[in-house]
Amino acid sequence: MTVTQLTGYRLMWIFVMFDLPVTTKAQAKAANRFREFLLDEGFEKSQFSVYARFCNGKEQFETYLRRVEGNLPDRGDVHILTFTDKQYENIVRFSGQRRRKQKKNPDQLALF
């Protein structure tokens, strides 16, 4: 039996970024449904159309990728990025004109 060690190079962050049309009621409803889906899947709102989620590796990323793909709205653009936990901890953030301190990454993976 092989044991896979969870390290900052295996643990990942998934970012879902999207630009969805909202010019009609149906489009706005589809965009809201997609946002709610992401929240239900454990993603957190990072910015207006950017949602992030922590996962334990490539296999779990592939699972979330399939789930997102299965819930895409009919129109609009969706981009999905991944970063290792080590890469994510080096992201530089600004709020207004001030640099924000680095976000603390989870100490452990929560399993539900």
PDB file of N, CA and C in Angstrom:
ATOM      1  N   MET A   1       0.840  -1.178   0.000  1.00  0.00           N
ATOM      2  CA  MET A   1       0.000   0.000   0.000  1.00  0.00           C
ATOM      3  C   MET A   1       0.888   1.245   0.000  1.00  0.00           C
ATOM      4  N   THR A   2       0.606   2.170  -0.891  1.00  0.00           N
ATOM      5  CA  THR A   2       1.367   3.412  -0.930  1.00  0.00           C
ATOM      6  C   THR A   2       0.586   4.510  -0.214  1.00  0.00           C
ATOM      7  N   VAL A   3       1.301   5.333   0.499  1.00  0.00           N
ATOM      8  CA  VAL A   3       0.692   6.441   1.215  1.00  0.00           C
ATOM      9  C   VAL A   3       1.103   7.725   0.507  1.00  0.00           C
ATOM     10  N   THR A   4       0.118   8.533   0.142  1.00  0.00           N
ATOM     11  CA  THR A   4       0.399   9.796  -0.514  1.00  0.00           C
ATOM     12  C   THR A   4       0.444  10.873   0.555  1.00  0.00           C
ATOM     13  N   GLN A   5       1.580  11.537   0.650  1.00  0.00           N
ATOM     14  CA  GLN A   5       1.732  12.591   1.644  1.00  0.00           C
ATOM     15  C   GLN A   5       1.126  13.887   1.117  1.00  0.00           C
ATOM     16  N   LEU A   6       0.315  14.535   1.957  1.00  0.00           N
ATOM     17  CA  LEU A   6      -0.284  15.808   1.576  1.00  0.00           C
ATOM     18  C   LEU A   6       0.699  16.924   1.912  1.00  0.00           C
ATOM     19  N   THR A   7       1.196  17.580   0.888  1.00  0.00           N
ATOM     20  CA  THR A   7       2.141  18.677   1.079  1.00  0.00           C
ATOM     21  C   THR A   7       1.605  19.914   0.377  1.00  0.00           C
ATOM     22  N   GLY A   8       2.269  21.035   0.608  1.00  0.00           N
ATOM     23  CA  GLY A   8       1.889  22.285  -0.043  1.00  0.00           C
ATOM     24  C   GLY A   8       2.052  22.242  -1.547  1.00  0.00           C
ATOM     25  N   TYR A   9       2.728  21.220  -2.043  1.00  0.00           N
ATOM     26  CA  TYR A   9       2.895  21.082  -3.491  1.00  0.00           C
ATOM     27  C   TYR A   9       1.821  20.181  -4.093  1.00  0.00           C
ATOM     28  N   ARG A  10       1.145  19.402  -3.250  1.00  0.00           N
ATOM     29  CA  ARG A  10       0.061  18.529  -3.714  1.00  0.00           C
ATOM     30  C   ARG A  10      -1.303  19.169  -3.463  1.00  0.00           C
ATOM     31  N   LEU A  11      -1.452  19.823  -2.316  1.00  0.00           N
ATOM     32  CA  LEU A  11      -2.696  20.510  -1.991  1.00  0.00           C
ATOM     33  C   LEU A  11      -2.892  21.658  -2.967  1.00  0.00           C
ATOM     34  N   MET A  12      -4.134  21.909  -3.345  1.00  0.00           N
ATOM     35  CA  MET A  12      -4.386  22.869  -4.417  1.00  0.00           C
ATOM     36  C   MET A  12      -5.505  23.839  -4.074  1.00  0.00           C
ATOM     37  N   TRP A  13      -5.507  24.931  -4.783  1.00  0.00           N
ATOM     38  CA  TRP A  13      -6.597  25.900  -4.788  1.00  0.00           C
ATOM     39  C   TRP A  13      -7.184  25.928  -6.189  1.00  0.00           C
ATOM     40  N   ILE A  14      -8.490  25.950  -6.266  1.00  0.00           N
ATOM     41  CA  ILE A  14      -9.200  26.058  -7.544  1.00  0.00           C
ATOM     42  C   ILE A  14      -9.845  27.435  -7.591  1.00  0.00           C
ATOM     43  N   PHE A  15      -9.622  28.157  -8.671  1.00  0.00           N
ATOM     44  CA  PHE A  15     -10.281  29.436  -8.885  1.00  0.00           C
ATOM     45  C   PHE A  15     -11.194  29.326 -10.096  1.00  0.00           C
ATOM     46  N   VAL A  16     -12.447  29.699  -9.926  1.00  0.00           N
ATOM     47  CA  VAL A  16     -13.407  29.750 -11.026  1.00  0.00           C
ATOM     48  C   VAL A  16     -13.712  31.219 -11.267  1.00  0.00           C
ATOM     49  N   MET A  17     -13.387  31.685 -12.474  1.00  0.00           N
ATOM     50  CA  MET A  17     -13.622  33.084 -12.854  1.00  0.00           C
ATOM     51  C   MET A  17     -14.606  33.074 -14.007  1.00  0.00           C
ATOM     52  N   PHE A  18     -15.559  34.001 -13.974  1.00  0.00           N
ATOM     53  CA  PHE A  18     -16.554  33.970 -15.032  1.00  0.00           C
ATOM     54  C   PHE A  18     -17.062  35.357 -15.373  1.00  0.00           C
ATOM     55  N   ASP A  19     -17.510  35.457 -16.609  1.00  0.00           N
ATOM     56  CA  ASP A  19     -18.153  36.652 -17.144  1.00  0.00           C
ATOM     57  C   ASP A  19     -19.422  36.160 -17.826  1.00  0.00           C
ATOM     58  N   LEU A  20     -20.553  36.325 -17.144  1.00  0.00           N
ATOM     59  CA  LEU A  20     -21.814  35.793 -17.639  1.00  0.00           C
ATOM     60  C   LEU A  20     -22.756  36.930 -18.016  1.00  0.00           C
ATOM     61  N   PRO A  21     -23.483  36.782 -19.110  1.00  0.00           N
ATOM     62  CA  PRO A  21     -24.431  37.832 -19.494  1.00  0.00           C
ATOM     63  C   PRO A  21     -25.599  37.895 -18.508  1.00  0.00           C
ATOM     64  N   VAL A  22     -26.063  39.123 -18.242  1.00  0.00           N
ATOM     65  CA  VAL A  22     -27.191  39.303 -17.322  1.00  0.00           C
ATOM     66  C   VAL A  22     -28.157  40.360 -17.867  1.00  0.00           C
ATOM     67  N   THR A  23     -28.263  40.436 -19.192  1.00  0.00           N
ATOM     68  CA  THR A  23     -29.108  41.469 -19.804  1.00  0.00           C
ATOM     69  C   THR A  23     -30.587  41.099 -19.802  1.00  0.00           C
ATOM     70  N   THR A  24     -30.903  39.822 -19.660  1.00  0.00           N
ATOM     71  CA  THR A  24     -32.307  39.408 -19.572  1.00  0.00           C
ATOM     72  C   THR A  24     -32.535  38.757 -18.205  1.00  0.00           C
ATOM     73  N   LYS A  25     -33.807  38.629 -17.831  1.00  0.00           N
ATOM     74  CA  LYS A  25     -34.133  37.984 -16.559  1.00  0.00           C
ATOM     75  C   LYS A  25     -33.647  36.535 -16.537  1.00  0.00           C
ATOM     76  N   ALA A  26     -33.791  35.851 -17.658  1.00  0.00           N
ATOM     77  CA  ALA A  26     -33.359  34.450 -17.732  1.00  0.00           C
ATOM     78  C   ALA A  26     -31.844  34.341 -17.556  1.00  0.00           C
ATOM     79  N   GLN A  27     -31.092  35.254 -18.185  1.00  0.00           N
ATOM     80  CA  GLN A  27     -29.634  35.234 -18.046  1.00  0.00           C
ATOM     81  C   GLN A  27     -29.215  35.551 -16.615  1.00  0.00           C
ATOM     82  N   ALA A  28     -29.861  36.539 -16.000  1.00  0.00           N
ATOM     83  CA  ALA A  28     -29.543  36.898 -14.613  1.00  0.00           C
ATOM     84  C   ALA A  28     -29.835  35.719 -13.681  1.00  0.00           C
ATOM     85  N   LYS A  29     -30.934  35.030 -13.933  1.00  0.00           N
ATOM     86  CA  LYS A  29     -31.302  33.872 -13.128  1.00  0.00           C
ATOM     87  C   LYS A  29     -30.267  32.756 -13.287  1.00  0.00           C
ATOM     88  N   ALA A  30     -29.814  32.527 -14.518  1.00  0.00           N
ATOM     89  CA  ALA A  30     -28.795  31.497 -14.775  1.00  0.00           C
ATOM     90  C   ALA A  30     -27.473  31.857 -14.085  1.00  0.00           C
ATOM     91  N   ALA A  31     -27.097  33.130 -14.126  1.00  0.00           N
ATOM     92  CA  ALA A  31     -25.859  33.576 -13.471  1.00  0.00           C
ATOM     93  C   ALA A  31     -25.961  33.382 -11.962  1.00  0.00           C
ATOM     94  N   ASN A  32     -27.095  33.736 -11.378  1.00  0.00           N
ATOM     95  CA  ASN A  32     -27.289  33.556  -9.936  1.00  0.00           C
ATOM     96  C   ASN A  32     -27.296  32.080  -9.557  1.00  0.00           C
ATOM     97  N   ARG A  33     -27.907  31.265 -10.390  1.00  0.00           N
ATOM     98  CA  ARG A  33     -27.940  29.818 -10.142  1.00  0.00           C
ATOM     99  C   ARG A  33     -26.502  29.251 -10.145  1.00  0.00           C
ATOM    100  N   PHE A  34     -25.660  29.743 -11.073  1.00  0.00           N
ATOM    101  CA  PHE A  34     -24.272  29.281 -11.143  1.00  0.00           C
ATOM    102  C   PHE A  34     -23.498  29.713  -9.888  1.00  0.00           C
ATOM    103  N   ARG A  35     -23.677  30.957  -9.454  1.00  0.00           N
ATOM    104  CA  ARG A  35     -23.028  31.440  -8.224  1.00  0.00           C
ATOM    105  C   ARG A  35     -23.463  30.590  -7.011  1.00  0.00           C
ATOM    106  N   GLU A  36     -24.750  30.329  -6.915  1.00  0.00           N
ATOM    107  CA  GLU A  36     -25.264  29.517  -5.802  1.00  0.00           C
ATOM    108  C   GLU A  36     -24.708  28.094  -5.850  1.00  0.00           C
ATOM    109  N   PHE A  37     -24.584  27.539  -7.059  1.00  0.00           N
ATOM    110  CA  PHE A  37     -23.990  26.216  -7.214  1.00  0.00           C
ATOM    111  C   PHE A  37     -22.571  26.211  -6.656  1.00  0.00           C
ATOM    112  N   LEU A  38     -21.766  27.220  -7.021  1.00  0.00           N
ATOM    113  CA  LEU A  38     -20.380  27.288  -6.538  1.00  0.00           C
ATOM    114  C   LEU A  38     -20.343  27.351  -5.011  1.00  0.00           C
ATOM    115  N   LEU A  39     -21.190  28.167  -4.424  1.00  0.00           N
ATOM    116  CA  LEU A  39     -21.232  28.265  -2.963  1.00  0.00           C
ATOM    117  C   LEU A  39     -21.627  26.931  -2.336  1.00  0.00           C
ATOM    118  N   ASP A  40     -22.597  26.250  -2.934  1.00  0.00           N
ATOM    119  CA  ASP A  40     -23.029  24.939  -2.438  1.00  0.00           C
ATOM    120  C   ASP A  40     -21.916  23.898  -2.534  1.00  0.00           C
ATOM    121  N   GLU A  41     -21.013  24.069  -3.481  1.00  0.00           N
ATOM    122  CA  GLU A  41     -19.889  23.147  -3.671  1.00  0.00           C
ATOM    123  C   GLU A  41     -18.695  23.490  -2.775  1.00  0.00           C
ATOM    124  N   GLY A  42     -18.854  24.517  -1.929  1.00  0.00           N
ATOM    125  CA  GLY A  42     -17.786  24.866  -0.994  1.00  0.00           C
ATOM    126  C   GLY A  42     -16.838  25.942  -1.473  1.00  0.00           C
ATOM    127  N   PHE A  43     -17.146  26.579  -2.597  1.00  0.00           N
ATOM    128  CA  PHE A  43     -16.322  27.686  -3.074  1.00  0.00           C
ATOM    129  C   PHE A  43     -16.653  28.936  -2.256  1.00  0.00           C
ATOM    130  N   GLU A  44     -15.664  29.799  -2.074  1.00  0.00           N
ATOM    131  CA  GLU A  44     -15.866  31.071  -1.398  1.00  0.00           C
ATOM    132  C   GLU A  44     -15.698  32.196  -2.402  1.00  0.00           C
ATOM    133  N   LYS A  45     -16.496  33.226  -2.238  1.00  0.00           N
ATOM    134  CA  LYS A  45     -16.413  34.384  -3.122  1.00  0.00           C
ATOM    135  C   LYS A  45     -15.127  35.148  -2.799  1.00  0.00           C
ATOM    136  N   SER A  46     -14.254  35.278  -3.792  1.00  0.00           N
ATOM    137  CA  SER A  46     -13.012  36.027  -3.637  1.00  0.00           C
ATOM    138  C   SER A  46     -13.199  37.453  -4.144  1.00  0.00           C
ATOM    139  N   GLN A  47     -13.833  37.584  -5.293  1.00  0.00           N
ATOM    140  CA  GLN A  47     -14.238  38.857  -5.874  1.00  0.00           C
ATOM    141  C   GLN A  47     -15.584  38.615  -6.544  1.00  0.00           C
ATOM    142  N   PHE A  48     -16.157  39.629  -7.171  1.00  0.00           N
ATOM    143  CA  PHE A  48     -17.516  39.514  -7.678  1.00  0.00           C
ATOM    144  C   PHE A  48     -17.739  38.271  -8.537  1.00  0.00           C
ATOM    145  N   SER A  49     -16.881  38.015  -9.484  1.00  0.00           N
ATOM    146  CA  SER A  49     -17.041  36.846 -10.358  1.00  0.00           C
ATOM    147  C   SER A  49     -15.841  35.914 -10.269  1.00  0.00           C
ATOM    148  N   VAL A  50     -15.261  35.824  -9.077  1.00  0.00           N
ATOM    149  CA  VAL A  50     -14.122  34.943  -8.831  1.00  0.00           C
ATOM    150  C   VAL A  50     -14.390  34.172  -7.543  1.00  0.00           C
ATOM    151  N   TYR A  51     -14.407  32.853  -7.647  1.00  0.00           N
ATOM    152  CA  TYR A  51     -14.669  31.991  -6.503  1.00  0.00           C
ATOM    153  C   TYR A  51     -13.509  31.019  -6.344  1.00  0.00           C
ATOM    154  N   ALA A  52     -13.150  30.712  -5.091  1.00  0.00           N
ATOM    155  CA  ALA A  52     -11.995  29.855  -4.815  1.00  0.00           C
ATOM    156  C   ALA A  52     -12.381  28.734  -3.867  1.00  0.00           C
ATOM    157  N   ARG A  53     -11.659  27.616  -4.011  1.00  0.00           N
ATOM    158  CA  ARG A  53     -11.884  26.465  -3.136  1.00  0.00           C
ATOM    159  C   ARG A  53     -10.584  25.707  -2.946  1.00  0.00           C
ATOM    160  N   PHE A  54     -10.367  25.230  -1.747  1.00  0.00           N
ATOM    161  CA  PHE A  54      -9.205  24.429  -1.391  1.00  0.00           C
ATOM    162  C   PHE A  54      -9.535  22.963  -1.647  1.00  0.00           C
ATOM    163  N   CYS A  55      -8.589  22.199  -2.180  1.00  0.00           N
ATOM    164  CA  CYS A  55      -8.816  20.762  -2.369  1.00  0.00           C
ATOM    165  C   CYS A  55      -7.525  19.993  -2.124  1.00  0.00           C
ATOM    166  N   ASN A  56      -7.643  18.673  -2.005  1.00  0.00           N
ATOM    167  CA  ASN A  56      -6.492  17.864  -1.596  1.00  0.00           C
ATOM    168  C   ASN A  56      -5.694  17.249  -2.740  1.00  0.00           C
ATOM    169  N   GLY A  57      -5.804  17.779  -3.931  1.00  0.00           N
ATOM    170  CA  GLY A  57      -4.967  17.274  -5.010  1.00  0.00           C
ATOM    171  C   GLY A  57      -5.663  17.212  -6.351  1.00  0.00           C
ATOM    172  N   LYS A  58      -4.953  16.708  -7.322  1.00  0.00           N
ATOM    173  CA  LYS A  58      -5.417  16.685  -8.704  1.00  0.00           C
ATOM    174  C   LYS A  58      -6.691  15.855  -8.878  1.00  0.00           C
ATOM    175  N   GLU A  59      -6.798  14.741  -8.176  1.00  0.00           N
ATOM    176  CA  GLU A  59      -7.984  13.898  -8.315  1.00  0.00           C
ATOM    177  C   GLU A  59      -9.237  14.650  -7.866  1.00  0.00           C
ATOM    178  N   GLN A  60      -9.140  15.319  -6.722  1.00  0.00           N
ATOM    179  CA  GLN A  60     -10.300  16.075  -6.241  1.00  0.00           C
ATOM    180  C   GLN A  60     -10.575  17.263  -7.159  1.00  0.00           C
ATOM    181  N   PHE A  61      -9.521  17.887  -7.697  1.00  0.00           N
ATOM    182  CA  PHE A  61      -9.714  18.966  -8.670  1.00  0.00           C
ATOM    183  C   PHE A  61     -10.516  18.458  -9.860  1.00  0.00           C
ATOM    184  N   GLU A  62     -10.165  17.283 -10.383  1.00  0.00           N
ATOM    185  CA  GLU A  62     -10.871  16.717 -11.536  1.00  0.00           C
ATOM    186  C   GLU A  62     -12.357  16.497 -11.216  1.00  0.00           C
ATOM    187  N   THR A  63     -12.651  16.077  -9.992  1.00  0.00           N
ATOM    188  CA  THR A  63     -14.043  15.890  -9.572  1.00  0.00           C
ATOM    189  C   THR A  63     -14.786  17.218  -9.611  1.00  0.00           C
ATOM    190  N   TYR A  64     -14.187  18.263  -9.038  1.00  0.00           N
ATOM    191  CA  TYR A  64     -14.847  19.577  -9.040  1.00  0.00           C
ATOM    192  C   TYR A  64     -14.946  20.146 -10.453  1.00  0.00           C
ATOM    193  N   LEU A  65     -13.953  19.897 -11.272  1.00  0.00           N
ATOM    194  CA  LEU A  65     -13.992  20.356 -12.661  1.00  0.00           C
ATOM    195  C   LEU A  65     -15.199  19.761 -13.386  1.00  0.00           C
ATOM    196  N   ARG A  66     -15.422  18.457 -13.216  1.00  0.00           N
ATOM    197  CA  ARG A  66     -16.583  17.803 -13.841  1.00  0.00           C
ATOM    198  C   ARG A  66     -17.891  18.383 -13.305  1.00  0.00           C
ATOM    199  N   ARG A  67     -17.952  18.647 -12.001  1.00  0.00           N
ATOM    200  CA  ARG A  67     -19.171  19.219 -11.419  1.00  0.00           C
ATOM    201  C   ARG A  67     -19.456  20.612 -11.976  1.00  0.00           C
ATOM    202  N   VAL A  68     -18.411  21.441 -12.049  1.00  0.00           N
ATOM    203  CA  VAL A  68     -18.591  22.788 -12.609  1.00  0.00           C
ATOM    204  C   VAL A  68     -19.022  22.685 -14.062  1.00  0.00           C
ATOM    205  N   GLU A  69     -18.348  21.839 -14.828  1.00  0.00           N
ATOM    206  CA  GLU A  69     -18.688  21.675 -16.238  1.00  0.00           C
ATOM    207  C   GLU A  69     -20.140  21.238 -16.420  1.00  0.00           C
ATOM    208  N   GLY A  70     -20.623  20.404 -15.540  1.00  0.00           N
ATOM    209  CA  GLY A  70     -22.001  19.939 -15.624  1.00  0.00           C
ATOM    210  C   GLY A  70     -23.034  20.984 -15.216  1.00  0.00           C
ATOM    211  N   ASN A  71     -22.583  22.100 -14.665  1.00  0.00           N
ATOM    212  CA  ASN A  71     -23.504  23.141 -14.204  1.00  0.00           C
ATOM    213  C   ASN A  71     -23.245  24.489 -14.864  1.00  0.00           C
ATOM    214  N   LEU A  72     -22.545  24.478 -15.998  1.00  0.00           N
ATOM    215  CA  LEU A  72     -22.258  25.729 -16.699  1.00  0.00           C
ATOM    216  C   LEU A  72     -23.541  26.340 -17.269  1.00  0.00           C
ATOM    217  N   PRO A  73     -23.667  27.670 -17.200  1.00  0.00           N
ATOM    218  CA  PRO A  73     -24.786  28.330 -17.878  1.00  0.00           C
ATOM    219  C   PRO A  73     -24.642  28.178 -19.392  1.00  0.00           C
ATOM    220  N   ASP A  74     -25.723  28.385 -20.111  1.00  0.00           N
ATOM    221  CA  ASP A  74     -25.697  28.234 -21.568  1.00  0.00           C
ATOM    222  C   ASP A  74     -24.787  29.248 -22.255  1.00  0.00           C
ATOM    223  N   ARG A  75     -24.658  30.433 -21.671  1.00  0.00           N
ATOM    224  CA  ARG A  75     -23.873  31.491 -22.311  1.00  0.00           C
ATOM    225  C   ARG A  75     -22.850  32.033 -21.333  1.00  0.00           C
ATOM    226  N   GLY A  76     -21.851  32.724 -21.878  1.00  0.00           N
ATOM    227  CA  GLY A  76     -20.837  33.357 -21.049  1.00  0.00           C
ATOM    228  C   GLY A  76     -19.521  32.609 -21.083  1.00  0.00           C
ATOM    229  N   ASP A  77     -18.561  33.179 -20.388  1.00  0.00           N
ATOM    230  CA  ASP A  77     -17.210  32.610 -20.331  1.00  0.00           C
ATOM    231  C   ASP A  77     -16.877  32.219 -18.903  1.00  0.00           C
ATOM    232  N   VAL A  78     -16.294  31.034 -18.745  1.00  0.00           N
ATOM    233  CA  VAL A  78     -15.862  30.544 -17.441  1.00  0.00           C
ATOM    234  C   VAL A  78     -14.427  30.053 -17.596  1.00  0.00           C
ATOM    235  N   HIS A  79     -13.560  30.489 -16.699  1.00  0.00           N
ATOM    236  CA  HIS A  79     -12.156  30.063 -16.694  1.00  0.00           C
ATOM    237  C   HIS A  79     -11.868  29.431 -15.342  1.00  0.00           C
ATOM    238  N   ILE A  80     -11.144  28.320 -15.355  1.00  0.00           N
ATOM    239  CA  ILE A  80     -10.794  27.636 -14.116  1.00  0.00           C
ATOM    240  C   ILE A  80      -9.275  27.531 -14.045  1.00  0.00           C
ATOM    241  N   LEU A  81      -8.727  28.007 -12.931  1.00  0.00           N
ATOM    242  CA  LEU A  81      -7.287  27.965 -12.696  1.00  0.00           C
ATOM    243  C   LEU A  81      -7.008  27.137 -11.456  1.00  0.00           C
ATOM    244  N   THR A  82      -5.815  26.552 -11.387  1.00  0.00           N
ATOM    245  CA  THR A  82      -5.392  25.872 -10.169  1.00  0.00           C
ATOM    246  C   THR A  82      -4.022  26.412  -9.760  1.00  0.00           C
ATOM    247  N   PHE A  83      -3.821  26.432  -8.464  1.00  0.00           N
ATOM    248  CA  PHE A  83      -2.535  26.810  -7.880  1.00  0.00           C
ATOM    249  C   PHE A  83      -2.234  25.801  -6.790  1.00  0.00           C
ATOM    250  N   THR A  84      -0.968  25.454  -6.641  1.00  0.00           N
ATOM    251  CA  THR A  84      -0.623  24.646  -5.479  1.00  0.00           C
ATOM    252  C   THR A  84      -0.744  25.536  -4.250  1.00  0.00           C
ATOM    253  N   ASP A  85      -0.853  24.917  -3.099  1.00  0.00           N
ATOM    254  CA  ASP A  85      -0.946  25.675  -1.855  1.00  0.00           C
ATOM    255  C   ASP A  85       0.292  26.558  -1.678  1.00  0.00           C
ATOM    256  N   LYS A  86       1.459  26.055  -2.067  1.00  0.00           N
ATOM    257  CA  LYS A  86       2.704  26.833  -1.965  1.00  0.00           C
ATOM    258  C   LYS A  86       2.654  28.063  -2.872  1.00  0.00           C
ATOM    259  N   GLN A  87       2.125  27.924  -4.077  1.00  0.00           N
ATOM    260  CA  GLN A  87       2.002  29.073  -4.973  1.00  0.00           C
ATOM    261  C   GLN A  87       1.003  30.083  -4.427  1.00  0.00           C
ATOM    262  N   TYR A  88      -0.111  29.590  -3.895  1.00  0.00           N
ATOM    263  CA  TYR A  88      -1.171  30.454  -3.393  1.00  0.00           C
ATOM    264  C   TYR A  88      -0.689  31.323  -2.235  1.00  0.00           C
ATOM    265  N   GLU A  89       0.167  30.765  -1.377  1.00  0.00           N
ATOM    266  CA  GLU A  89       0.608  31.553  -0.223  1.00  0.00           C
ATOM    267  C   GLU A  89       1.484  32.734  -0.631  1.00  0.00           C
ATOM    268  N   ASN A  90       1.952  32.780  -1.872  1.00  0.00           N
ATOM    269  CA  ASN A  90       2.773  33.897  -2.345  1.00  0.00           C
ATOM    270  C   ASN A  90       1.990  34.957  -3.121  1.00  0.00           C
ATOM    271  N   ILE A  91       0.666  34.821  -3.203  1.00  0.00           N
ATOM    272  CA  ILE A  91      -0.141  35.807  -3.918  1.00  0.00           C
ATOM    273  C   ILE A  91      -0.098  37.129  -3.166  1.00  0.00           C
ATOM    274  N   VAL A  92       0.134  38.211  -3.901  1.00  0.00           N
ATOM    275  CA  VAL A  92       0.162  39.554  -3.320  1.00  0.00           C
ATOM    276  C   VAL A  92      -1.211  40.170  -3.516  1.00  0.00           C
ATOM    277  N   ARG A  93      -1.774  40.718  -2.433  1.00  0.00           N
ATOM    278  CA  ARG A  93      -3.122  41.278  -2.465  1.00  0.00           C
ATOM    279  C   ARG A  93      -3.083  42.752  -2.095  1.00  0.00           C
ATOM    280  N   PHE A  94      -3.928  43.533  -2.768  1.00  0.00           N
ATOM    281  CA  PHE A  94      -4.092  44.943  -2.447  1.00  0.00           C
ATOM    282  C   PHE A  94      -5.568  45.222  -2.243  1.00  0.00           C
ATOM    283  N   SER A  95      -5.861  46.101  -1.317  1.00  0.00           N
ATOM    284  CA  SER A  95      -7.214  46.586  -1.102  1.00  0.00           C
ATOM    285  C   SER A  95      -7.112  48.100  -1.100  1.00  0.00           C
ATOM    286  N   GLY A  96      -7.711  48.734  -2.113  1.00  0.00           N
ATOM    287  CA  GLY A  96      -7.475  50.165  -2.287  1.00  0.00           C
ATOM    288  C   GLY A  96      -6.016  50.351  -2.649  1.00  0.00           C
ATOM    289  N   GLN A  97      -5.350  51.214  -1.954  1.00  0.00           N
ATOM    290  CA  GLN A  97      -3.931  51.454  -2.218  1.00  0.00           C
ATOM    291  C   GLN A  97      -3.029  50.760  -1.197  1.00  0.00           C
ATOM    292  N   ARG A  98      -3.594  49.929  -0.351  1.00  0.00           N
ATOM    293  CA  ARG A  98      -2.815  49.277   0.700  1.00  0.00           C
ATOM    294  C   ARG A  98      -2.626  47.784   0.419  1.00  0.00           C
ATOM    295  N   ARG A  99      -1.418  47.356   0.693  1.00  0.00           N
ATOM    296  CA  ARG A  99      -1.111  45.934   0.565  1.00  0.00           C
ATOM    297  C   ARG A  99      -1.724  45.200   1.752  1.00  0.00           C
ATOM    298  N   ARG A 100      -2.415  44.117   1.458  1.00  0.00           N
ATOM    299  CA  ARG A 100      -3.029  43.313   2.509  1.00  0.00           C
ATOM    300  C   ARG A 100      -2.065  42.226   2.947  1.00  0.00           C
ATOM    301  N   LYS A 101      -2.136  41.860   4.221  1.00  0.00           N
ATOM    302  CA  LYS A 101      -1.259  40.777   4.677  1.00  0.00           C
ATOM    303  C   LYS A 101      -1.708  39.465   4.045  1.00  0.00           C
ATOM    304  N   GLN A 102      -0.773  38.539   3.954  1.00  0.00           N
ATOM    305  CA  GLN A 102      -1.056  37.271   3.302  1.00  0.00           C
ATOM    306  C   GLN A 102      -2.136  36.513   4.051  1.00  0.00           C
ATOM    307  N   LYS A 103      -2.990  35.862   3.267  1.00  0.00           N
ATOM    308  CA  LYS A 103      -4.060  35.043   3.827  1.00  0.00           C
ATOM    309  C   LYS A 103      -3.456  33.781   4.411  1.00  0.00           C
ATOM    310  N   LYS A 104      -3.967  33.363   5.554  1.00  0.00           N
ATOM    311  CA  LYS A 104      -3.496  32.116   6.159  1.00  0.00           C
ATOM    312  C   LYS A 104      -4.184  30.948   5.464  1.00  0.00           C
ATOM    313  N   ASN A 105      -3.386  30.026   4.973  1.00  0.00           N
ATOM    314  CA  ASN A 105      -3.920  28.823   4.345  1.00  0.00           C
ATOM    315  C   ASN A 105      -4.409  27.870   5.421  1.00  0.00           C
ATOM    316  N   PRO A 106      -5.367  27.020   5.114  1.00  0.00           N
ATOM    317  CA  PRO A 106      -5.862  26.068   6.120  1.00  0.00           C
ATOM    318  C   PRO A 106      -4.726  25.180   6.636  1.00  0.00           C
ATOM    319  N   ASP A 107      -4.735  24.914   7.950  1.00  0.00           N
ATOM    320  CA  ASP A 107      -3.743  24.034   8.534  1.00  0.00           C
ATOM    321  C   ASP A 107      -3.996  22.577   8.192  1.00  0.00           C
ATOM    322  N   GLN A 108      -5.269  22.249   7.973  1.00  0.00           N
ATOM    323  CA  GLN A 108      -5.605  20.877   7.637  1.00  0.00           C
ATOM    324  C   GLN A 108      -6.809  20.860   6.720  1.00  0.00           C
ATOM    325  N   LEU A 109      -6.982  19.771   6.065  1.00  0.00           N
ATOM    326  CA  LEU A 109      -8.085  19.613   5.135  1.00  0.00           C
ATOM    327  C   LEU A 109      -9.319  19.121   5.893  1.00  0.00           C
ATOM    328  N   ALA A 110     -10.421  19.815   5.727  1.00  0.00           N
ATOM    329  CA  ALA A 110     -11.671  19.403   6.378  1.00  0.00           C
ATOM    330  C   ALA A 110     -12.382  18.395   5.491  1.00  0.00           C
ATOM    331  N   LEU A 111     -12.763  17.283   6.046  1.00  0.00           N
ATOM    332  CA  LEU A 111     -13.461  16.251   5.294  1.00  0.00           C
ATOM    333  C   LEU A 111     -14.913  16.211   5.751  1.00  0.00           C
ATOM    334  N   PHE A 112     -15.834  16.158   4.795  1.00  0.00           N
ATOM    335  CA  PHE A 112     -17.265  16.134   5.106  1.00  0.00           C
ATOM    336  C   PHE A 112     -17.868  14.843   4.641  1.00  0.00           C
TER     337      PHE A 112
END
